[in-house]
Amino acid sequence: MESMSSVQWVSIIASLGWLVLVLGAYRSYQVDTSKTIRMALTWAAIFTGLAVFFTLLT
């Protein structure tokens, strides 16, 4: 197994930094937990439905 290059590490660290910024911005709107879970499940259902639809097309 090859070791990860420094460019890959920088990309991972940058992605984690962006994730922290996004989560901080989202939490600043003070959305309650039940609404957050509902939205996450809704988006997961949308993406799953689209994936199944395109899988059936091919």
Protein backbone atom coordinates (compact mmCIF):
# COMPACT_ATOMS: atom_id res chain seq x y z
CA MET A 1 0.00 0.00 0.00
CA GLU A 2 1.47 3.32 -1.02
CA SER A 3 1.72 6.12 1.48
CA MET A 4 -0.27 9.25 0.88
CA SER A 5 1.52 12.16 -0.73
CA SER A 6 1.70 15.56 0.91
CA VAL A 7 -0.81 16.93 -1.60
CA GLN A 8 -3.38 14.36 -0.48
CA TRP A 9 -2.81 15.26 3.18
CA VAL A 10 -3.26 18.96 2.43
CA SER A 11 -6.49 18.16 0.58
CA ILE A 12 -7.83 16.12 3.50
CA ILE A 13 -6.93 18.81 6.05
CA ALA A 14 -8.47 21.54 3.87
CA SER A 15 -11.66 19.49 3.48
CA LEU A 16 -11.90 19.02 7.23
CA GLY A 17 -11.40 22.77 7.70
CA TRP A 18 -14.22 23.53 5.28
CA LEU A 19 -16.43 21.01 7.08
CA VAL A 20 -15.79 22.77 10.40
CA LEU A 21 -16.66 26.14 8.82
CA VAL A 22 -19.86 24.78 7.29
CA LEU A 23 -20.96 23.15 10.55
CA GLY A 24 -20.19 26.33 12.49
CA ALA A 25 -22.21 28.43 10.06
CA TYR A 26 -25.09 25.96 10.20
CA ARG A 27 -25.09 25.93 14.00
CA SER A 28 -25.13 29.74 14.06
CA TYR A 29 -28.70 29.58 12.68
CA GLN A 30 -29.67 27.64 15.83
CA VAL A 31 -31.68 24.99 13.99
CA ASP A 32 -33.03 22.39 16.40
CA THR A 33 -31.79 18.81 16.30
CA SER A 34 -35.03 17.20 15.13
CA LYS A 35 -35.23 19.52 12.11
CA THR A 36 -31.57 18.80 11.30
CA ILE A 37 -32.15 15.04 11.39
CA ARG A 38 -35.31 15.41 9.29
CA MET A 39 -33.46 17.44 6.65
CA ALA A 40 -30.54 14.97 6.59
CA LEU A 41 -32.90 12.02 6.12
CA THR A 42 -34.79 13.88 3.39
CA TRP A 43 -31.58 14.60 1.46
CA ALA A 44 -30.39 11.02 1.95
CA ALA A 45 -33.70 9.75 0.54
CA ILE A 46 -33.44 12.10 -2.45
CA PHE A 47 -29.89 11.00 -3.30
CA THR A 48 -30.73 7.33 -2.76
CA GLY A 49 -33.81 7.63 -4.95
CA LEU A 50 -31.83 9.31 -7.72
CA ALA A 51 -29.08 6.70 -7.49
CA VAL A 52 -31.62 3.88 -7.77
CA PHE A 53 -33.37 5.64 -10.66
CA PHE A 54 -30.16 6.11 -12.66
CA THR A 55 -29.05 2.57 -11.85
CA LEU A 56 -32.27 1.22 -13.28
CA LEU A 57 -31.83 3.32 -16.44
CA THR A 58 -28.46 1.83 -17.30
